[in-house]
C-alpha atoms as a PDB file:
ATOM      1  CA  MET A   1       1.657  20.938  -3.238  1.00  0.00           C
ATOM      2  CA  ASN A   2       3.409  19.861  -6.413  1.00  0.00           C
ATOM      3  CA  ASP A   3       4.888  16.506  -5.398  1.00  0.00           C
ATOM      4  CA  LYS A   4       3.221  13.456  -6.826  1.00  0.00           C
ATOM      5  CA  ILE A   5       2.001  10.905  -4.264  1.00  0.00           C
ATOM      6  CA  THR A   6       1.304   7.271  -5.086  1.00  0.00           C
ATOM      7  CA  ILE A   7      -1.701   5.601  -3.488  1.00  0.00           C
ATOM      8  CA  GLY A   8      -1.172   1.831  -3.711  1.00  0.00           C
ATOM      9  CA  ILE A   9      -4.222  -0.437  -3.495  1.00  0.00           C
ATOM     10  CA  PRO A  10      -4.216  -4.254  -3.883  1.00  0.00           C
ATOM     11  CA  ILE A  11      -7.514  -5.444  -5.414  1.00  0.00           C
ATOM     12  CA  TYR A  12      -8.911  -8.907  -4.706  1.00  0.00           C
ATOM     13  CA  GLN A  13     -12.539  -9.976  -4.214  1.00  0.00           C
ATOM     14  CA  VAL A  14     -13.763  -6.616  -2.885  1.00  0.00           C
ATOM     15  CA  GLU A  15     -16.641  -5.690  -5.202  1.00  0.00           C
ATOM     16  CA  GLU A  16     -18.755  -4.707  -2.196  1.00  0.00           C
ATOM     17  CA  TYR A  17     -16.198  -2.176  -0.964  1.00  0.00           C
ATOM     18  CA  VAL A  18     -13.928  -1.080  -3.816  1.00  0.00           C
ATOM     19  CA  THR A  19     -16.065   1.813  -5.087  1.00  0.00           C
ATOM     20  CA  THR A  20     -16.170   3.466  -1.650  1.00  0.00           C
ATOM     21  CA  CYS A  21     -12.430   2.918  -1.287  1.00  0.00           C
ATOM     22  CA  ILE A  22     -11.442   4.405  -4.651  1.00  0.00           C
ATOM     23  CA  GLU A  23     -13.897   7.297  -4.429  1.00  0.00           C
ATOM     24  CA  SER A  24     -12.388   8.259  -1.079  1.00  0.00           C
ATOM     25  CA  VAL A  25      -9.067   8.693  -2.906  1.00  0.00           C
ATOM     26  CA  LEU A  26     -10.516  10.484  -5.921  1.00  0.00           C
ATOM     27  CA  CYS A  27     -12.122  13.129  -3.679  1.00  0.00           C
ATOM     28  CA  GLN A  28      -8.908  13.997  -1.822  1.00  0.00           C
ATOM     29  CA  THR A  29      -8.174  17.672  -1.241  1.00  0.00           C
ATOM     30  CA  TYR A  30      -4.612  16.903  -2.332  1.00  0.00           C
ATOM     31  CA  GLU A  31      -4.839  16.539  -6.099  1.00  0.00           C
ATOM     32  CA  ASN A  32      -1.444  15.442  -7.460  1.00  0.00           C
ATOM     33  CA  LEU A  33      -2.017  11.721  -7.007  1.00  0.00           C
ATOM     34  CA  GLU A  34      -1.462   8.538  -8.937  1.00  0.00           C
ATOM     35  CA  ILE A  35      -3.507   5.519  -7.925  1.00  0.00           C
ATOM     36  CA  ILE A  36      -1.833   2.191  -8.596  1.00  0.00           C
ATOM     37  CA  ALA A  37      -4.443  -0.539  -8.261  1.00  0.00           C
ATOM     38  CA  VAL A  38      -3.084  -4.073  -8.589  1.00  0.00           C
ATOM     39  CA  ASP A  39      -5.499  -6.678  -9.918  1.00  0.00           C
ATOM     40  CA  ASP A  40      -4.624  -9.872  -8.052  1.00  0.00           C
ATOM     41  CA  CYS A  41      -6.818 -12.080 -10.229  1.00  0.00           C
ATOM     42  CA  GLY A  42     -10.068 -12.111  -8.300  1.00  0.00           C
ATOM     43  CA  THR A  43     -13.217 -13.573  -9.856  1.00  0.00           C
ATOM     44  CA  ASP A  44     -15.773 -10.914  -8.870  1.00  0.00           C
ATOM     45  CA  LYS A  45     -16.623  -7.507 -10.381  1.00  0.00           C
ATOM     46  CA  SER A  46     -13.979  -5.485  -8.531  1.00  0.00           C
ATOM     47  CA  ILE A  47     -11.940  -4.628 -11.620  1.00  0.00           C
ATOM     48  CA  TYR A  48     -15.059  -3.913 -13.690  1.00  0.00           C
ATOM     49  CA  LEU A  49     -16.189  -1.374 -11.065  1.00  0.00           C
ATOM     50  CA  LEU A  50     -12.706   0.121 -10.978  1.00  0.00           C
ATOM     51  CA  GLU A  51     -12.659   0.475 -14.776  1.00  0.00           C
ATOM     52  CA  GLN A  52     -16.044   2.216 -14.617  1.00  0.00           C
ATOM     53  CA  LEU A  53     -14.614   4.801 -12.241  1.00  0.00           C
ATOM     54  CA  GLN A  54     -11.577   5.133 -14.480  1.00  0.00           C
ATOM     55  CA  ARG A  55     -13.851   6.024 -17.411  1.00  0.00           C
ATOM     56  CA  THR A  56     -16.510   8.139 -15.718  1.00  0.00           C
ATOM     57  CA  HIS A  57     -14.993   9.956 -12.723  1.00  0.00           C
ATOM     58  CA  PRO A  58     -13.570  13.477 -13.376  1.00  0.00           C
ATOM     59  CA  ARG A  59     -10.258  12.327 -11.870  1.00  0.00           C
ATOM     60  CA  GLY A  60     -10.464   8.803 -13.258  1.00  0.00           C
ATOM     61  CA  ASN A  61      -7.292   9.315 -15.291  1.00  0.00           C
ATOM     62  CA  GLN A  62      -5.357   9.111 -12.006  1.00  0.00           C
ATOM     63  CA  ILE A  63      -6.202   5.397 -11.801  1.00  0.00           C
ATOM     64  CA  ASN A  64      -3.586   3.028 -13.181  1.00  0.00           C
ATOM     65  CA  ILE A  65      -4.531  -0.667 -13.113  1.00  0.00           C
ATOM     66  CA  ILE A  66      -1.757  -3.265 -13.177  1.00  0.00           C
ATOM     67  CA  HIS A  67      -2.844  -6.842 -13.790  1.00  0.00           C
ATOM     68  CA  HIS A  68      -1.107  -9.808 -12.201  1.00  0.00           C
ATOM     69  CA  THR A  69      -1.153 -12.975 -14.307  1.00  0.00           C
ATOM     70  CA  GLU A  70      -1.930 -15.081 -11.226  1.00  0.00           C
ATOM     71  CA  ASN A  71      -3.007 -14.582  -7.626  1.00  0.00           C
ATOM     72  CA  LYS A  72       0.111 -13.649  -5.649  1.00  0.00           C
ATOM     73  CA  GLY A  73      -1.264 -12.222  -2.398  1.00  0.00           C
ATOM     74  CA  ILE A  74      -1.165  -8.798  -0.795  1.00  0.00           C
ATOM     75  CA  SER A  75       2.604  -8.712  -0.246  1.00  0.00           C
ATOM     76  CA  GLU A  76       3.403  -9.164  -3.926  1.00  0.00           C
ATOM     77  CA  CYS A  77       0.706  -6.609  -4.822  1.00  0.00           C
ATOM     78  CA  ARG A  78       2.445  -4.043  -2.639  1.00  0.00           C
ATOM     79  CA  ASN A  79       5.822  -4.959  -4.125  1.00  0.00           C
ATOM     80  CA  THR A  80       4.359  -4.352  -7.582  1.00  0.00           C
ATOM     81  CA  ILE A  81       3.225  -0.928  -6.362  1.00  0.00           C
ATOM     82  CA  ILE A  82       6.725  -0.135  -5.064  1.00  0.00           C
ATOM     83  CA  GLU A  83       8.257  -1.159  -8.390  1.00  0.00           C
ATOM     84  CA  HIS A  84       5.897   1.044 -10.431  1.00  0.00           C
ATOM     85  CA  THR A  85       5.608   4.114  -8.232  1.00  0.00           C
ATOM     86  CA  ASN A  86       6.343   7.540  -9.674  1.00  0.00           C
ATOM     87  CA  GLY A  87       5.506   9.422  -6.489  1.00  0.00           C
ATOM     88  CA  LYS A  88       7.828  11.126  -4.042  1.00  0.00           C
ATOM     89  CA  TYR A  89       5.752   9.374  -1.388  1.00  0.00           C
ATOM     90  CA  ILE A  90       3.877   6.060  -1.236  1.00  0.00           C
ATOM     91  CA  TYR A  91       0.702   5.464   0.758  1.00  0.00           C
ATOM     92  CA  PHE A  92      -0.772   1.965   1.034  1.00  0.00           C
ATOM     93  CA  LEU A  93      -4.544   1.567   1.318  1.00  0.00           C
ATOM     94  CA  ASP A  94      -6.464  -1.698   1.664  1.00  0.00           C
ATOM     95  CA  SER A  95      -9.335  -1.980  -0.812  1.00  0.00           C
ATOM     96  CA  ASP A  96     -12.061  -2.618   1.785  1.00  0.00           C
ATOM     97  CA  ASP A  97     -11.138   0.502   3.764  1.00  0.00           C
ATOM     98  CA  TYR A  98     -11.421   4.209   2.943  1.00  0.00           C
ATOM     99  CA  ILE A  99      -9.712   7.460   3.860  1.00  0.00           C
ATOM    100  CA  GLU A 100     -10.825  10.900   5.019  1.00  0.00           C
ATOM    101  CA  PRO A 101     -11.022  13.649   2.345  1.00  0.00           C
ATOM    102  CA  ASN A 102      -8.029  15.563   3.766  1.00  0.00           C
ATOM    103  CA  ALA A 103      -5.957  12.496   4.690  1.00  0.00           C
ATOM    104  CA  ILE A 104      -3.188  12.889   2.123  1.00  0.00           C
ATOM    105  CA  GLU A 105      -2.993  16.663   2.531  1.00  0.00           C
ATOM    106  CA  LEU A 106      -2.512  16.304   6.303  1.00  0.00           C
ATOM    107  CA  LEU A 107       0.130  13.591   5.975  1.00  0.00           C
ATOM    108  CA  TYR A 108       1.981  15.346   3.143  1.00  0.00           C
ATOM    109  CA  THR A 109       2.063  18.684   4.976  1.00  0.00           C
ATOM    110  CA  ALA A 110       3.498  17.049   8.098  1.00  0.00           C
ATOM    111  CA  ALA A 111       6.063  15.083   6.067  1.00  0.00           C
ATOM    112  CA  GLU A 112       7.266  18.156   4.199  1.00  0.00           C
ATOM    113  CA  GLU A 113       7.435  20.332   7.295  1.00  0.00           C
ATOM    114  CA  THR A 114       9.563  17.803   9.184  1.00  0.00           C
ATOM    115  CA  GLN A 115      11.265  16.046   6.251  1.00  0.00           C
ATOM    116  CA  SER A 116      10.091  12.781   7.790  1.00  0.00           C
ATOM    117  CA  GLN A 117      10.654   9.462   6.071  1.00  0.00           C
ATOM    118  CA  VAL A 118       7.643   7.819   7.731  1.00  0.00           C
ATOM    119  CA  THR A 119       4.474   9.740   8.625  1.00  0.00           C
ATOM    120  CA  TYR A 120       1.684   7.991  10.523  1.00  0.00           C
ATOM    121  CA  GLY A 121      -1.953   9.056  10.665  1.00  0.00           C
ATOM    122  CA  SER A 122      -4.447   7.819  13.240  1.00  0.00           C
ATOM    123  CA  PHE A 123      -7.315   5.545  12.251  1.00  0.00           C
ATOM    124  CA  ARG A 124     -10.672   4.385  13.536  1.00  0.00           C
ATOM    125  CA  TYR A 125     -12.487   1.055  13.344  1.00  0.00           C
ATOM    126  CA  VAL A 126     -15.820   1.343  11.553  1.00  0.00           C
ATOM    127  CA  ASP A 127     -18.682  -1.007  10.754  1.00  0.00           C
ATOM    128  CA  SER A 128     -20.437  -1.275   7.396  1.00  0.00           C
ATOM    129  CA  SER A 129     -22.553   1.791   8.290  1.00  0.00           C
ATOM    130  CA  GLY A 130     -19.493   3.924   8.999  1.00  0.00           C
ATOM    131  CA  ASN A 131     -20.034   3.952  12.773  1.00  0.00           C
ATOM    132  CA  ASN A 132     -17.182   3.631  15.234  1.00  0.00           C
ATOM    133  CA  CYS A 133     -17.323   0.065  16.509  1.00  0.00           C
ATOM    134  CA  LYS A 134     -14.254  -0.398  18.729  1.00  0.00           C
ATOM    135  CA  THR A 135     -11.475   1.610  20.317  1.00  0.00           C
ATOM    136  CA  GLY A 136      -7.888   1.810  19.170  1.00  0.00           C
ATOM    137  CA  GLY A 137      -5.937   3.348  16.329  1.00  0.00           C
ATOM    138  CA  GLN A 138      -5.457   6.755  17.942  1.00  0.00           C
ATOM    139  CA  LEU A 139      -1.898   8.084  18.073  1.00  0.00           C
ATOM    140  CA  PRO A 140      -0.519  11.075  19.984  1.00  0.00           C
ATOM    141  CA  ASN A 141       1.006  13.981  18.085  1.00  0.00           C
ATOM    142  CA  LYS A 142       4.698  13.126  18.195  1.00  0.00           C
ATOM    143  CA  LYS A 143       7.882  13.814  16.263  1.00  0.00           C
ATOM    144  CA  PHE A 144      10.964  11.613  16.273  1.00  0.00           C
ATOM    145  CA  LEU A 145      13.610  13.603  14.412  1.00  0.00           C
ATOM    146  CA  LYS A 146      16.861  12.427  16.007  1.00  0.00           C
ATOM    147  CA  SER A 147      18.690   9.183  15.344  1.00  0.00           C
ATOM    148  CA  GLY A 148      17.428   6.384  17.576  1.00  0.00           C
ATOM    149  CA  GLU A 149      14.420   8.282  18.975  1.00  0.00           C
ATOM    150  CA  PHE A 150      11.805   6.228  17.141  1.00  0.00           C
ATOM    151  CA  GLN A 151      13.478   2.909  17.911  1.00  0.00           C
ATOM    152  CA  HIS A 152      13.667   3.740  21.611  1.00  0.00           C
ATOM    153  CA  TYR A 153      10.001   4.736  21.599  1.00  0.00           C
ATOM    154  CA  VAL A 154       9.029   1.427  19.979  1.00  0.00           C
ATOM    155  CA  CYS A 155      11.241  -0.490  22.413  1.00  0.00           C
ATOM    156  CA  GLN A 156      10.607   1.445  25.614  1.00  0.00           C
ATOM    157  CA  ASP A 157       9.024  -1.782  26.921  1.00  0.00           C
ATOM    158  CA  VAL A 158       7.281  -4.869  25.530  1.00  0.00           C
ATOM    159  CA  LYS A 159       3.919  -3.122  25.114  1.00  0.00           C
ATOM    160  CA  MET A 160       2.578  -2.012  21.728  1.00  0.00           C
ATOM    161  CA  HIS A 161       3.197   1.713  21.240  1.00  0.00           C
ATOM    162  CA  VAL A 162       2.857   1.902  17.452  1.00  0.00           C
ATOM    163  CA  ASN A 163       0.157   0.785  15.030  1.00  0.00           C
ATOM    164  CA  ILE A 164       1.732  -2.272  13.401  1.00  0.00           C
ATOM    165  CA  THR A 165       0.417  -1.611   9.925  1.00  0.00           C
ATOM    166  CA  SER A 166       1.763  -0.635   6.540  1.00  0.00           C
ATOM    167  CA  TRP A 167      -1.437   1.169   5.535  1.00  0.00           C
ATOM    168  CA  ASN A 168      -2.206   4.730   6.631  1.00  0.00           C
ATOM    169  CA  ILE A 169       1.488   5.599   6.588  1.00  0.00           C
ATOM    170  CA  LEU A 170       3.046   8.050   4.145  1.00  0.00           C
ATOM    171  CA  PHE A 171       6.442   6.587   3.233  1.00  0.00           C
ATOM    172  CA  LEU A 172       9.129   8.561   1.476  1.00  0.00           C
ATOM    173  CA  SER A 173       9.746   6.496  -1.656  1.00  0.00           C
ATOM    174  CA  GLN A 174      13.497   7.071  -1.439  1.00  0.00           C
ATOM    175  CA  PHE A 175      13.491   5.634   2.089  1.00  0.00           C
ATOM    176  CA  ILE A 176      11.959   2.390   0.777  1.00  0.00           C
ATOM    177  CA  ARG A 177      14.397   2.249  -2.154  1.00  0.00           C
ATOM    178  CA  ASP A 178      17.527   3.097  -0.142  1.00  0.00           C
ATOM    179  CA  ASN A 179      16.825   0.378   2.417  1.00  0.00           C
ATOM    180  CA  HIS A 180      15.708  -2.208  -0.172  1.00  0.00           C
ATOM    181  CA  LEU A 181      12.418  -2.713   1.643  1.00  0.00           C
ATOM    182  CA  ARG A 182       9.934  -5.215   0.279  1.00  0.00           C
ATOM    183  CA  PHE A 183       6.957  -7.147   1.587  1.00  0.00           C
ATOM    184  CA  HIS A 184       7.246 -10.852   2.399  1.00  0.00           C
ATOM    185  CA  PHE A 185       4.781 -13.676   3.109  1.00  0.00           C
ATOM    186  CA  ARG A 186       1.013 -13.888   2.736  1.00  0.00           C
ATOM    187  CA  LYS A 187       0.286 -13.700   6.475  1.00  0.00           C
ATOM    188  CA  ILE A 188       1.041 -10.980   9.073  1.00  0.00           C
ATOM    189  CA  GLU A 189       2.925  -9.141   6.323  1.00  0.00           C
ATOM    190  CA  ASP A 190       2.470  -5.816   8.135  1.00  0.00           C
ATOM    191  CA  LEU A 191       4.327  -7.054  11.208  1.00  0.00           C
ATOM    192  CA  VAL A 192       7.186  -8.387   9.085  1.00  0.00           C
ATOM    193  CA  PHE A 193       7.412  -5.136   7.103  1.00  0.00           C
ATOM    194  CA  PHE A 194       7.419  -3.110  10.323  1.00  0.00           C
ATOM    195  CA  THR A 195      10.281  -5.135  11.824  1.00  0.00           C
ATOM    196  CA  ASP A 196      12.176  -4.595   8.561  1.00  0.00           C
ATOM    197  CA  PHE A 197      11.726  -0.824   8.305  1.00  0.00           C
ATOM    198  CA  TYR A 198      11.663   0.520  11.849  1.00  0.00           C
ATOM    199  CA  PRO A 199      15.416   0.089  12.564  1.00  0.00           C
ATOM    200  CA  PHE A 200      16.189   2.341   9.567  1.00  0.00           C
ATOM    201  CA  ALA A 201      13.678   5.138  10.246  1.00  0.00           C
ATOM    202  CA  LEU A 202      15.539   8.285  11.335  1.00  0.00           C
ATOM    203  CA  ARG A 203      12.692  10.795  11.022  1.00  0.00           C
ATOM    204  CA  VAL A 204       9.159   9.698  11.975  1.00  0.00           C
ATOM    205  CA  VAL A 205       6.009  11.692  12.719  1.00  0.00           C
ATOM    206  CA  PHE A 206       2.701  10.679  14.357  1.00  0.00           C
ATOM    207  CA  LEU A 207      -0.508  12.602  13.735  1.00  0.00           C
ATOM    208  CA  SER A 208      -3.469  12.393  16.078  1.00  0.00           C
ATOM    209  CA  ASP A 209      -5.762  13.344  13.163  1.00  0.00           C
ATOM    210  CA  ILE A 210      -8.002  10.507  11.957  1.00  0.00           C
ATOM    211  CA  THR A 211      -7.056   9.900   8.325  1.00  0.00           C
ATOM    212  CA  TYR A 212      -8.145   6.284   7.773  1.00  0.00           C
ATOM    213  CA  ASN A 213     -11.256   4.173   8.318  1.00  0.00           C
ATOM    214  CA  TYR A 214     -10.591   0.487   8.928  1.00  0.00           C
ATOM    215  CA  LEU A 215     -13.633  -1.634   8.101  1.00  0.00           C
ATOM    216  CA  VAL A 216     -14.330  -4.396  10.618  1.00  0.00           C
ATOM    217  CA  ARG A 217     -15.902  -7.289   8.727  1.00  0.00           C
ATOM    218  CA  TYR A 218     -17.575  -9.359  11.439  1.00  0.00           C
ATOM    219  CA  ASN A 219     -18.557 -12.195   9.115  1.00  0.00           C
ATOM    220  CA  SER A 220     -14.900 -12.654   8.183  1.00  0.00           C
ATOM    221  CA  ILE A 221     -13.788 -12.656  11.852  1.00  0.00           C
ATOM    222  CA  THR A 222     -16.521 -15.099  12.903  1.00  0.00           C
ATOM    223  CA  SER A 223     -15.742 -17.412  10.003  1.00  0.00           C
ATOM    224  CA  ARG A 224     -12.063 -17.486  10.931  1.00  0.00           C
ATOM    225  CA  GLN A 225     -12.675 -18.087  14.623  1.00  0.00           C
ATOM    226  CA  SER A 226     -15.087 -20.973  13.987  1.00  0.00           C
ATOM    227  CA  ARG A 227     -12.851 -22.885  11.593  1.00  0.00           C
ATOM    228  CA  GLN A 228     -12.724 -26.626  12.138  1.00  0.00           C
ATOM    229  CA  ILE A 229      -9.701 -27.127   9.890  1.00  0.00           C
ATOM    230  CA  ILE A 230      -6.501 -25.060   9.837  1.00  0.00           C
ATOM    231  CA  PRO A 231      -4.350 -25.667   6.736  1.00  0.00           C
ATOM    232  CA  ALA A 232      -0.885 -26.944   7.612  1.00  0.00           C
ATOM    233  CA  LYS A 233       0.478 -24.463   5.069  1.00  0.00           C
ATOM    234  CA  GLU A 234      -0.767 -21.623   7.275  1.00  0.00           C
ATOM    235  CA  MET A 235       1.233 -22.881  10.250  1.00  0.00           C
ATOM    236  CA  GLU A 236       4.282 -23.522   8.044  1.00  0.00           C
ATOM    237  CA  THR A 237       4.081 -19.881   6.962  1.00  0.00           C
ATOM    238  CA  GLY A 238       4.022 -18.843  10.620  1.00  0.00           C
ATOM    239  CA  PHE A 239       7.162 -20.893  11.277  1.00  0.00           C
ATOM    240  CA  ASN A 240       8.903 -19.372   8.247  1.00  0.00           C
ATOM    241  CA  ILE A 241       7.995 -15.856   9.354  1.00  0.00           C
ATOM    242  CA  ILE A 242       9.500 -16.453  12.786  1.00  0.00           C
ATOM    243  CA  GLU A 243      12.701 -17.785  11.188  1.00  0.00           C
ATOM    244  CA  TYR A 244      12.897 -14.738   8.900  1.00  0.00           C
ATOM    245  CA  VAL A 245      12.324 -12.246  11.730  1.00  0.00           C
ATOM    246  CA  THR A 246      14.809 -14.083  13.975  1.00  0.00           C
ATOM    247  CA  CYS A 247      17.470 -13.929  11.267  1.00  0.00           C
ATOM    248  CA  ASN A 248      16.938 -10.177  10.846  1.00  0.00           C
ATOM    249  CA  ALA A 249      16.951  -9.624  14.624  1.00  0.00           C
ATOM    250  CA  LYS A 250      20.534 -10.868  14.786  1.00  0.00           C
ATOM    251  CA  LYS A 251      21.572  -7.783  12.770  1.00  0.00           C
ATOM    252  CA  LEU A 252      20.429  -5.588  15.660  1.00  0.00           C
ATOM    253  CA  THR A 253      22.406  -7.204  18.478  1.00  0.00           C
ATOM    254  CA  LYS A 254      24.677  -4.162  18.905  1.00  0.00           C
ATOM    255  CA  LYS A 255      21.742  -1.733  19.194  1.00  0.00           C
ATOM    256  CA  ASP A 256      20.968  -0.511  22.710  1.00  0.00           C
ATOM    257  CA  TYR A 257      17.272  -1.320  22.217  1.00  0.00           C
ATOM    258  CA  TYR A 258      17.964  -4.921  21.185  1.00  0.00           C
ATOM    259  CA  ASP A 259      17.117  -6.345  24.612  1.00  0.00           C
ATOM    260  CA  VAL A 260      13.475  -5.228  24.246  1.00  0.00           C
ATOM    261  CA  HIS A 261      13.353  -6.115  20.543  1.00  0.00           C
ATOM    262  CA  CYS A 262      14.552  -9.617  21.421  1.00  0.00           C
ATOM    263  CA  THR A 263      12.016  -9.954  24.245  1.00  0.00           C
ATOM    264  CA  LYS A 264       9.173  -9.068  21.874  1.00  0.00           C
ATOM    265  CA  LEU A 265      10.523 -11.616  19.397  1.00  0.00           C
ATOM    266  CA  MET A 266      10.599 -14.334  22.060  1.00  0.00           C
ATOM    267  CA  LYS A 267       7.010 -13.555  23.031  1.00  0.00           C
ATOM    268  CA  HIS A 268       5.998 -14.003  19.376  1.00  0.00           C
ATOM    269  CA  LYS A 269       7.891 -17.296  19.261  1.00  0.00           C
ATOM    270  CA  LEU A 270       6.115 -18.552  22.372  1.00  0.00           C
ATOM    271  CA  ASN A 271       2.751 -17.429  20.976  1.00  0.00           C
ATOM    272  CA  ILE A 272       3.327 -19.335  17.727  1.00  0.00           C
ATOM    273  CA  VAL A 273       4.278 -22.532  19.563  1.00  0.00           C
ATOM    274  CA  CYS A 274       1.348 -22.257  21.989  1.00  0.00           C
ATOM    275  CA  ALA A 275      -1.119 -21.531  19.162  1.00  0.00           C
ATOM    276  CA  TYR A 276       0.129 -24.609  17.322  1.00  0.00           C
ATOM    277  CA  LEU A 277      -0.217 -26.848  20.378  1.00  0.00           C
ATOM    278  CA  LYS A 278      -3.670 -25.461  21.212  1.00  0.00           C
ATOM    279  CA  HIS A 279      -5.019 -26.192  17.712  1.00  0.00           C
ATOM    280  CA  ARG A 280      -2.872 -29.176  16.843  1.00  0.00           C
ATOM    281  CA  HIS A 281      -5.857 -31.472  16.220  1.00  0.00           C
ATOM    282  CA  GLN A 282      -7.301 -29.001  13.688  1.00  0.00           C
ATOM    283  CA  ILE A 283      -4.171 -28.752  11.534  1.00  0.00           C
ATOM    284  CA  THR A 284      -4.563 -30.650   8.268  1.00  0.00           C
ATOM    285  CA  PRO A 285      -2.576 -32.463   7.075  1.00  0.00           C
ATOM    286  CA  PRO A 286      -0.412 -33.115  10.162  1.00  0.00           C
ATOM    287  CA  ILE A 287       3.039 -31.541   9.944  1.00  0.00           C
ATOM    288  CA  ALA A 288       5.795 -34.129   9.806  1.00  0.00           C
ATOM    289  CA  ASP A 289       8.352 -33.984  12.616  1.00  0.00           C
ATOM    290  CA  ASP A 290       6.478 -31.103  14.219  1.00  0.00           C
ATOM    291  CA  GLN A 291       8.278 -31.492  17.543  1.00  0.00           C
ATOM    292  CA  HIS A 292      11.594 -30.693  15.882  1.00  0.00           C
ATOM    293  CA  ARG A 293      10.034 -27.715  14.063  1.00  0.00           C
ATOM    294  CA  LEU A 294       8.572 -26.305  17.277  1.00  0.00           C
ATOM    295  CA  HIS A 295      11.854 -26.725  19.106  1.00  0.00           C
ATOM    296  CA  HIS A 296      13.629 -24.855  16.327  1.00  0.00           C
ATOM    297  CA  VAL A 297      11.008 -22.076  16.343  1.00  0.00           C
ATOM    298  CA  ILE A 298      11.311 -21.347  20.061  1.00  0.00           C
ATOM    299  CA  LEU A 299      15.128 -21.406  20.268  1.00  0.00           C
ATOM    300  CA  HIS A 300      16.517 -18.212  21.755  1.00  0.00           C
ATOM    301  CA  PRO A 301      18.746 -16.360  19.253  1.00  0.00           C
ATOM    302  CA  ASN A 302      21.300 -15.437  21.927  1.00  0.00           C
ATOM    303  CA  THR A 303      23.705 -17.323  24.149  1.00  0.00           C
ATOM    304  CA  PHE A 304      23.352 -17.480  27.917  1.00  0.00           C
ATOM    305  CA  PHE A 305      26.263 -15.055  28.413  1.00  0.00           C
ATOM    306  CA  GLU A 306      24.898 -12.609  25.827  1.00  0.00           C
ATOM    307  CA  ILE A 307      21.589 -12.508  27.693  1.00  0.00           C
ATOM    308  CA  LEU A 308      23.418 -11.730  30.966  1.00  0.00           C
ATOM    309  CA  LYS A 309      24.457  -8.418  29.348  1.00  0.00           C
ATOM    310  CA  PHE A 310      20.849  -7.348  28.696  1.00  0.00           C
ATOM    311  CA  ARG A 311      19.890  -4.208  30.632  1.00  0.00           C
ATOM    312  CA  ARG A 312      16.164  -4.941  30.518  1.00  0.00           C
ATOM    313  CA  TYR A 313      14.126  -8.148  30.701  1.00  0.00           C
ATOM    314  CA  ARG A 314      17.268 -10.140  31.498  1.00  0.00           C
ATOM    315  CA  PHE A 315      15.523 -12.681  33.734  1.00  0.00           C
ATOM    316  CA  LEU A 316      12.600 -13.124  31.346  1.00  0.00           C
ATOM    317  CA  ASN A 317      15.016 -13.847  28.525  1.00  0.00           C
ATOM    318  CA  LEU A 318      16.949 -16.280  30.713  1.00  0.00           C
ATOM    319  CA  ALA A 319      13.636 -18.070  31.320  1.00  0.00           C
ATOM    320  CA  PHE A 320      12.995 -18.159  27.560  1.00  0.00           C
ATOM    321  CA  PHE A 321      16.527 -19.449  27.026  1.00  0.00           C
ATOM    322  CA  ILE A 322      16.144 -22.240  29.589  1.00  0.00           C
ATOM    323  CA  LEU A 323      12.741 -23.210  28.177  1.00  0.00           C
ATOM    324  CA  SER A 324      14.122 -23.397  24.642  1.00  0.00           C
ATOM    325  CA  HIS A 325      17.017 -25.618  25.725  1.00  0.00           C
ATOM    326  CA  LEU A 326      14.998 -28.139  27.708  1.00  0.00           C
ATOM    327  CA  PRO A 327      14.453 -31.618  26.221  1.00  0.00           C
ATOM    328  CA  VAL A 328      11.794 -31.314  23.525  1.00  0.00           C
ATOM    329  CA  LYS A 329       9.049 -33.251  25.319  1.00  0.00           C
ATOM    330  CA  ILE A 330       9.458 -31.247  28.534  1.00  0.00           C
ATOM    331  CA  MET A 331       9.529 -27.967  26.617  1.00  0.00           C
ATOM    332  CA  LEU A 332       6.343 -28.896  24.735  1.00  0.00           C
ATOM    333  CA  SER A 333       4.603 -29.990  27.949  1.00  0.00           C
ATOM    334  CA  ILE A 334       5.341 -26.627  29.562  1.00  0.00           C
ATOM    335  CA  CYS A 335       4.170 -24.756  26.438  1.00  0.00           C
ATOM    336  CA  SER A 336       0.968 -26.835  26.396  1.00  0.00           C
ATOM    337  CA  ILE A 337       0.243 -25.782  29.989  1.00  0.00           C
ATOM    338  CA  ILE A 338       0.909 -22.141  29.085  1.00  0.00           C
ATOM    339  CA  ALA A 339      -1.448 -22.471  26.082  1.00  0.00           C
ATOM    340  CA  LYS A 340      -4.241 -24.051  28.150  1.00  0.00           C
ATOM    341  CA  LYS A 341      -3.941 -21.405  30.865  1.00  0.00           C
ATOM    342  CA  GLY A 342      -4.027 -18.644  28.245  1.00  0.00           C
ATOM    343  CA  TRP A 343      -0.767 -17.150  29.503  1.00  0.00           C
ATOM    344  CA  ALA A 344       0.604 -16.587  25.997  1.00  0.00           C
END
């Protein structure tokens, strides 16, 4: 166990949780770690608490704090971590969560034994008392060590078969560098990063062992669900994400799993449009020419004749294609009905 592993942790407004998070790393059974904590310019005591641990903990010298000059968001924090890593592997951890004492040892052992580029652990949802509070996060023990195996597993159908996260995954640093992977956007950055990296992953391992504890913050969820105003910038970001993911999807058209990848993309597109229409009256300020934007968002990336060649979900994609090429007002009326019925 001589390889250095980088634990990357963005820090922003987490004074209530950061000590538990960092201590869970400092007590790892795997010892050759560097902790890169990125200060994203919060106004609470998070960095002060981190500096205390740096000074007083027996392994505090493993903590390296990098200070941003302005708040840049979690994606840019993770990019800073990638740029400064010295580890053979990188593991991202959110600063309000914490990991099991043997988490890194388990992931590292599996990665070395299989020479995997991407090694997933399982996780559990916990409340503030550390109790399990919902199901999910459990993976089967699986190895994908042949070209295309992981992609076909992800795209076996339109269901979710993988935890769409960037945390609780041990990435080979060279894999991230070789494929020029970076994080983008301030929202749903994990989904975007996943769609960027999964086509390149040749060797992937799942562990059923619980290595990560994801803190469910009910006050945060309730606050978000009860919002009366949704910033227009938030919806604009959603539109931009869809455009980015659509552009990247076009690079996969020759892959034999593209038909499912495209179907998942179209479902996301429909969800974005329906969410916008459902909450249109809450979006402030109103988005100019929103009908044109929505029409552009939902456009199918393929031609009618390309879709006819799909092996799977051909008729569903033809329906998406027809919907996206209807006159704007008719298309929006149909999407409004879908939104009201909760079908998307």
